[in-house]
């Protein structure tokens, strides 16, 4: 199954351990065939942005999703176990998905929690 992404000029997409940047002055459409993990720049949490436990957890899950050989599941659970969570049902659901290897689904659950906390 192909993934079609429309990107603005200068926008980045994280594909595995690589970063794809749109170099044209116009919008671009890319189509990705295969199973490489993909995260758009506006959804990606950088290490320096991970200033709360939830953002740290999101960053750890994203990094394991993108580069599993460099970031372990144990680092995700270390972040998870080091904090008492307010939104524990959603966080527990995300961690269950991590343990099942459903990292992209876990990222989506954590993204929803981030939206709730932002309100």
N, C-alpha and C. Protein backbone atom coordinates (compact mmCIF):
# COMPACT_ATOMS: atom_id res chain seq x y z
N UNK A 1 0.83 -1.18 0.00
CA UNK A 1 0.00 0.00 0.00
C UNK A 1 0.88 1.25 0.00
N UNK A 2 0.55 2.21 -0.81
CA UNK A 2 1.33 3.44 -0.94
C UNK A 2 0.80 4.51 0.00
N UNK A 3 1.72 5.37 0.44
CA UNK A 3 1.37 6.51 1.27
C UNK A 3 1.63 7.77 0.44
N UNK A 4 0.58 8.58 0.26
CA UNK A 4 0.69 9.81 -0.52
C UNK A 4 0.66 10.99 0.45
N UNK A 5 1.68 11.85 0.37
CA UNK A 5 1.80 12.99 1.28
C UNK A 5 1.99 14.26 0.47
N UNK A 6 1.17 15.27 0.76
CA UNK A 6 1.34 16.60 0.17
C UNK A 6 2.14 17.45 1.13
N UNK A 7 3.20 18.09 0.62
CA UNK A 7 4.11 18.84 1.47
C UNK A 7 4.29 20.27 0.96
N UNK A 8 4.48 21.20 1.90
CA UNK A 8 4.78 22.59 1.57
C UNK A 8 6.28 22.73 1.28
N UNK A 9 6.62 23.86 0.70
CA UNK A 9 8.03 24.17 0.46
C UNK A 9 8.79 24.17 1.79
N UNK A 10 9.89 23.45 1.85
CA UNK A 10 10.72 23.41 3.04
C UNK A 10 10.27 22.43 4.11
N UNK A 11 9.10 21.82 3.95
CA UNK A 11 8.60 20.88 4.96
C UNK A 11 9.44 19.61 4.96
N UNK A 12 9.56 19.01 6.15
CA UNK A 12 10.35 17.79 6.31
C UNK A 12 9.46 16.62 6.66
N UNK A 13 9.93 15.44 6.26
CA UNK A 13 9.29 14.18 6.62
C UNK A 13 10.40 13.26 7.10
N UNK A 14 10.18 12.65 8.26
CA UNK A 14 11.13 11.69 8.80
C UNK A 14 10.75 10.32 8.28
N UNK A 15 11.69 9.68 7.58
CA UNK A 15 11.47 8.36 6.99
C UNK A 15 12.58 7.46 7.51
N UNK A 16 12.24 6.60 8.47
CA UNK A 16 13.27 5.77 9.11
C UNK A 16 14.28 6.68 9.78
N UNK A 17 15.56 6.45 9.51
CA UNK A 17 16.58 7.32 10.10
C UNK A 17 17.03 8.41 9.13
N UNK A 18 16.20 8.73 8.15
CA UNK A 18 16.50 9.78 7.17
C UNK A 18 15.46 10.89 7.25
N UNK A 19 15.85 12.06 6.77
CA UNK A 19 14.93 13.21 6.72
C UNK A 19 14.82 13.65 5.27
N UNK A 20 13.60 13.71 4.78
CA UNK A 20 13.32 14.17 3.42
C UNK A 20 12.82 15.60 3.54
N UNK A 21 13.45 16.55 2.84
CA UNK A 21 13.07 17.96 2.88
C UNK A 21 12.67 18.41 1.48
N UNK A 22 11.53 19.10 1.38
CA UNK A 22 11.08 19.62 0.09
C UNK A 22 11.96 20.81 -0.27
N UNK A 23 12.66 20.71 -1.39
CA UNK A 23 13.60 21.76 -1.80
C UNK A 23 12.99 22.73 -2.80
N UNK A 24 11.83 22.43 -3.35
CA UNK A 24 11.22 23.31 -4.34
C UNK A 24 10.49 24.46 -3.65
N UNK A 25 10.15 25.48 -4.42
CA UNK A 25 9.41 26.62 -3.90
C UNK A 25 7.90 26.39 -3.94
N UNK A 26 7.50 25.24 -4.45
CA UNK A 26 6.08 24.93 -4.60
C UNK A 26 5.72 23.72 -3.73
N UNK A 27 4.43 23.53 -3.56
CA UNK A 27 3.96 22.32 -2.88
C UNK A 27 4.39 21.11 -3.69
N UNK A 28 4.65 20.04 -2.98
CA UNK A 28 5.06 18.80 -3.65
C UNK A 28 4.26 17.64 -3.09
N UNK A 29 4.07 16.66 -3.92
CA UNK A 29 3.42 15.43 -3.49
C UNK A 29 4.43 14.31 -3.64
N UNK A 30 4.57 13.52 -2.57
CA UNK A 30 5.44 12.35 -2.65
C UNK A 30 4.60 11.11 -2.39
N UNK A 31 5.02 10.03 -2.97
CA UNK A 31 4.37 8.75 -2.76
C UNK A 31 5.45 7.80 -2.25
N UNK A 32 5.16 7.19 -1.11
CA UNK A 32 6.11 6.27 -0.50
C UNK A 32 5.52 4.87 -0.58
N UNK A 33 6.24 3.98 -1.26
CA UNK A 33 5.87 2.57 -1.33
C UNK A 33 6.78 1.81 -0.38
N UNK A 34 6.23 0.89 0.35
CA UNK A 34 7.04 0.07 1.25
C UNK A 34 6.57 0.20 2.68
N UNK A 35 7.42 -0.27 3.58
CA UNK A 35 7.03 -0.35 4.98
C UNK A 35 7.88 0.51 5.90
N UNK A 36 8.64 1.43 5.35
CA UNK A 36 9.45 2.30 6.21
C UNK A 36 8.55 3.19 7.08
N UNK A 37 8.96 3.43 8.32
CA UNK A 37 8.18 4.31 9.19
C UNK A 37 8.30 5.76 8.74
N UNK A 38 7.18 6.50 8.81
CA UNK A 38 7.12 7.88 8.33
C UNK A 38 6.42 8.74 9.38
N UNK A 39 7.02 9.90 9.69
CA UNK A 39 6.39 10.90 10.56
C UNK A 39 6.61 12.27 9.94
N UNK A 40 5.53 13.03 9.81
CA UNK A 40 5.64 14.41 9.30
C UNK A 40 6.31 15.30 10.34
N UNK A 41 6.99 16.33 9.86
CA UNK A 41 7.71 17.24 10.74
C UNK A 41 6.81 17.86 11.81
N UNK A 42 5.59 18.26 11.44
CA UNK A 42 4.72 18.93 12.41
C UNK A 42 4.20 17.97 13.48
N UNK A 43 4.37 16.68 13.32
CA UNK A 43 3.98 15.70 14.34
C UNK A 43 5.17 15.19 15.16
N UNK A 44 6.37 15.53 14.74
CA UNK A 44 7.57 14.99 15.37
C UNK A 44 7.96 15.79 16.60
N UNK A 45 8.30 15.10 17.69
CA UNK A 45 8.78 15.74 18.91
C UNK A 45 10.30 15.57 18.96
N UNK A 46 11.03 16.69 18.93
CA UNK A 46 12.49 16.66 19.05
C UNK A 46 12.89 16.51 20.52
N UNK A 47 14.07 16.00 20.77
CA UNK A 47 14.57 15.78 22.13
C UNK A 47 14.45 17.05 22.98
N UNK A 48 14.82 18.19 22.41
CA UNK A 48 14.78 19.44 23.18
C UNK A 48 13.36 19.92 23.46
N UNK A 49 12.38 19.42 22.73
CA UNK A 49 10.97 19.75 22.97
C UNK A 49 10.34 18.86 24.03
N UNK A 50 11.00 17.78 24.38
CA UNK A 50 10.45 16.80 25.32
C UNK A 50 10.65 17.28 26.75
N UNK A 51 9.90 18.32 27.11
CA UNK A 51 10.08 18.99 28.41
C UNK A 51 9.10 18.52 29.48
N UNK A 52 8.15 17.66 29.12
CA UNK A 52 7.21 17.10 30.07
C UNK A 52 7.28 15.58 29.98
N UNK A 53 6.77 14.88 31.00
CA UNK A 53 6.78 13.42 30.90
C UNK A 53 6.04 12.89 29.67
N UNK A 54 4.92 13.50 29.33
CA UNK A 54 4.16 13.04 28.16
C UNK A 54 4.95 13.26 26.87
N UNK A 55 5.57 14.42 26.73
CA UNK A 55 6.38 14.69 25.53
C UNK A 55 7.60 13.77 25.49
N UNK A 56 8.18 13.46 26.65
CA UNK A 56 9.31 12.53 26.70
C UNK A 56 8.90 11.14 26.27
N UNK A 57 7.71 10.72 26.71
CA UNK A 57 7.20 9.41 26.30
C UNK A 57 6.92 9.39 24.81
N UNK A 58 6.31 10.44 24.31
CA UNK A 58 6.01 10.53 22.87
C UNK A 58 7.31 10.48 22.06
N UNK A 59 8.32 11.22 22.51
CA UNK A 59 9.61 11.23 21.81
C UNK A 59 10.22 9.81 21.80
N UNK A 60 10.19 9.14 22.94
CA UNK A 60 10.77 7.79 23.02
C UNK A 60 10.05 6.82 22.08
N UNK A 61 8.73 6.89 22.03
CA UNK A 61 7.96 6.00 21.15
C UNK A 61 8.27 6.33 19.69
N UNK A 62 8.31 7.62 19.35
CA UNK A 62 8.61 8.01 17.97
C UNK A 62 9.99 7.55 17.54
N UNK A 63 10.98 7.70 18.42
CA UNK A 63 12.33 7.31 18.04
C UNK A 63 12.43 5.80 17.86
N UNK A 64 11.76 5.02 18.71
CA UNK A 64 11.78 3.57 18.53
C UNK A 64 11.04 3.18 17.25
N UNK A 65 9.98 3.91 16.93
CA UNK A 65 9.24 3.66 15.68
C UNK A 65 10.12 3.93 14.46
N UNK A 66 10.85 5.05 14.48
CA UNK A 66 11.66 5.43 13.33
C UNK A 66 12.94 4.61 13.21
N UNK A 67 13.62 4.39 14.34
CA UNK A 67 14.93 3.74 14.31
C UNK A 67 14.99 2.67 15.42
N UNK A 68 14.29 1.56 15.24
CA UNK A 68 14.21 0.56 16.31
C UNK A 68 15.54 -0.05 16.72
N UNK A 69 16.49 -0.08 15.80
CA UNK A 69 17.79 -0.66 16.13
C UNK A 69 18.62 0.25 17.03
N UNK A 70 18.26 1.53 17.14
CA UNK A 70 19.01 2.46 17.99
C UNK A 70 18.28 2.83 19.27
N UNK A 71 16.97 2.64 19.30
CA UNK A 71 16.16 3.03 20.47
C UNK A 71 15.33 1.82 20.90
N UNK A 72 15.48 1.43 22.14
CA UNK A 72 14.85 0.20 22.61
C UNK A 72 13.48 0.43 23.24
N UNK A 73 12.72 -0.64 23.31
CA UNK A 73 11.43 -0.60 24.00
C UNK A 73 11.66 -0.33 25.49
N UNK A 74 12.76 -0.82 26.03
CA UNK A 74 13.03 -0.60 27.46
C UNK A 74 13.16 0.89 27.77
N UNK A 75 13.67 1.69 26.84
CA UNK A 75 13.76 3.14 27.08
C UNK A 75 12.38 3.77 27.16
N UNK A 76 11.44 3.24 26.38
CA UNK A 76 10.06 3.72 26.43
C UNK A 76 9.45 3.39 27.78
N UNK A 77 9.63 2.16 28.23
CA UNK A 77 9.05 1.75 29.51
C UNK A 77 9.74 2.44 30.68
N UNK A 78 11.01 2.77 30.54
CA UNK A 78 11.71 3.53 31.59
C UNK A 78 11.04 4.90 31.78
N UNK A 79 10.75 5.57 30.68
CA UNK A 79 10.06 6.87 30.75
C UNK A 79 8.67 6.68 31.35
N UNK A 80 7.98 5.66 30.91
CA UNK A 80 6.61 5.39 31.39
C UNK A 80 6.59 5.11 32.90
N UNK A 81 7.50 4.27 33.36
CA UNK A 81 7.49 3.87 34.77
C UNK A 81 8.03 4.94 35.71
N UNK A 82 8.70 5.93 35.17
CA UNK A 82 9.29 6.98 36.02
C UNK A 82 8.30 8.09 36.37
N UNK A 83 7.05 7.97 35.94
CA UNK A 83 6.07 9.03 36.14
C UNK A 83 4.73 8.45 36.56
N UNK A 84 3.99 9.22 37.38
CA UNK A 84 2.60 8.90 37.67
C UNK A 84 1.77 9.68 36.67
N UNK A 85 0.88 8.99 35.97
CA UNK A 85 0.16 9.59 34.85
C UNK A 85 -1.24 10.00 35.24
N UNK A 86 -1.64 11.23 34.86
CA UNK A 86 -3.01 11.71 35.08
C UNK A 86 -3.99 11.00 34.16
N UNK A 87 -3.65 10.91 32.91
CA UNK A 87 -4.53 10.31 31.90
C UNK A 87 -4.16 8.83 31.76
N UNK A 88 -4.21 8.10 32.87
CA UNK A 88 -3.62 6.77 32.92
C UNK A 88 -4.28 5.76 31.98
N UNK A 89 -5.59 5.88 31.72
CA UNK A 89 -6.26 4.92 30.84
C UNK A 89 -5.70 5.04 29.42
N UNK A 90 -5.60 6.25 28.92
CA UNK A 90 -5.07 6.46 27.56
C UNK A 90 -3.59 6.11 27.48
N UNK A 91 -2.84 6.49 28.50
CA UNK A 91 -1.41 6.17 28.50
C UNK A 91 -1.21 4.66 28.57
N UNK A 92 -1.98 3.98 29.41
CA UNK A 92 -1.90 2.52 29.50
C UNK A 92 -2.26 1.87 28.17
N UNK A 93 -3.25 2.42 27.49
CA UNK A 93 -3.64 1.92 26.18
C UNK A 93 -2.49 2.07 25.19
N UNK A 94 -1.82 3.21 25.22
CA UNK A 94 -0.67 3.44 24.33
C UNK A 94 0.46 2.47 24.66
N UNK A 95 0.70 2.23 25.93
CA UNK A 95 1.78 1.33 26.31
C UNK A 95 1.46 -0.12 25.93
N UNK A 96 0.18 -0.49 25.98
CA UNK A 96 -0.21 -1.83 25.53
C UNK A 96 0.08 -1.97 24.03
N UNK A 97 -0.22 -0.91 23.27
CA UNK A 97 0.08 -0.93 21.83
C UNK A 97 1.58 -1.04 21.59
N UNK A 98 2.38 -0.35 22.40
CA UNK A 98 3.85 -0.45 22.28
C UNK A 98 4.28 -1.89 22.51
N UNK A 99 3.75 -2.51 23.55
CA UNK A 99 4.15 -3.89 23.87
C UNK A 99 3.72 -4.87 22.77
N UNK A 100 2.69 -4.51 22.02
CA UNK A 100 2.23 -5.35 20.90
C UNK A 100 2.94 -5.02 19.59
N UNK A 101 3.84 -4.03 19.63
CA UNK A 101 4.56 -3.64 18.42
C UNK A 101 3.78 -2.70 17.52
N UNK A 102 2.67 -2.18 17.98
CA UNK A 102 1.82 -1.26 17.21
C UNK A 102 2.23 0.18 17.52
N UNK A 103 3.44 0.55 17.12
CA UNK A 103 4.01 1.84 17.51
C UNK A 103 3.28 3.03 16.89
N UNK A 104 2.89 2.94 15.63
CA UNK A 104 2.20 4.08 15.01
C UNK A 104 0.86 4.32 15.69
N UNK A 105 0.16 3.25 16.04
CA UNK A 105 -1.12 3.41 16.75
C UNK A 105 -0.88 4.03 18.13
N UNK A 106 0.20 3.63 18.79
CA UNK A 106 0.54 4.20 20.10
C UNK A 106 0.83 5.70 19.96
N UNK A 107 1.52 6.08 18.90
CA UNK A 107 1.81 7.50 18.65
C UNK A 107 0.51 8.27 18.46
N UNK A 108 -0.44 7.70 17.75
CA UNK A 108 -1.74 8.38 17.54
C UNK A 108 -2.48 8.56 18.86
N UNK A 109 -2.46 7.54 19.74
CA UNK A 109 -3.11 7.66 21.05
C UNK A 109 -2.44 8.76 21.87
N UNK A 110 -1.11 8.77 21.88
CA UNK A 110 -0.38 9.80 22.64
C UNK A 110 -0.63 11.19 22.07
N UNK A 111 -0.75 11.28 20.76
CA UNK A 111 -1.06 12.56 20.12
C UNK A 111 -2.43 13.08 20.58
N UNK A 112 -3.40 12.17 20.70
CA UNK A 112 -4.73 12.56 21.21
C UNK A 112 -4.64 13.04 22.65
N UNK A 113 -3.81 12.38 23.47
CA UNK A 113 -3.63 12.81 24.86
C UNK A 113 -3.00 14.20 24.90
N UNK A 114 -2.03 14.44 24.02
CA UNK A 114 -1.41 15.77 23.94
C UNK A 114 -2.44 16.85 23.61
N UNK A 115 -3.35 16.54 22.70
CA UNK A 115 -4.40 17.50 22.35
C UNK A 115 -5.30 17.79 23.55
N UNK A 116 -5.64 16.75 24.31
CA UNK A 116 -6.49 16.92 25.49
C UNK A 116 -5.77 17.77 26.53
N UNK A 117 -4.50 17.51 26.75
CA UNK A 117 -3.75 18.28 27.75
C UNK A 117 -3.53 19.72 27.32
N UNK A 118 -3.52 19.97 26.03
CA UNK A 118 -3.32 21.34 25.53
C UNK A 118 -4.53 22.23 25.81
N UNK A 119 -5.70 21.61 25.97
CA UNK A 119 -6.92 22.40 26.22
C UNK A 119 -6.99 22.94 27.59
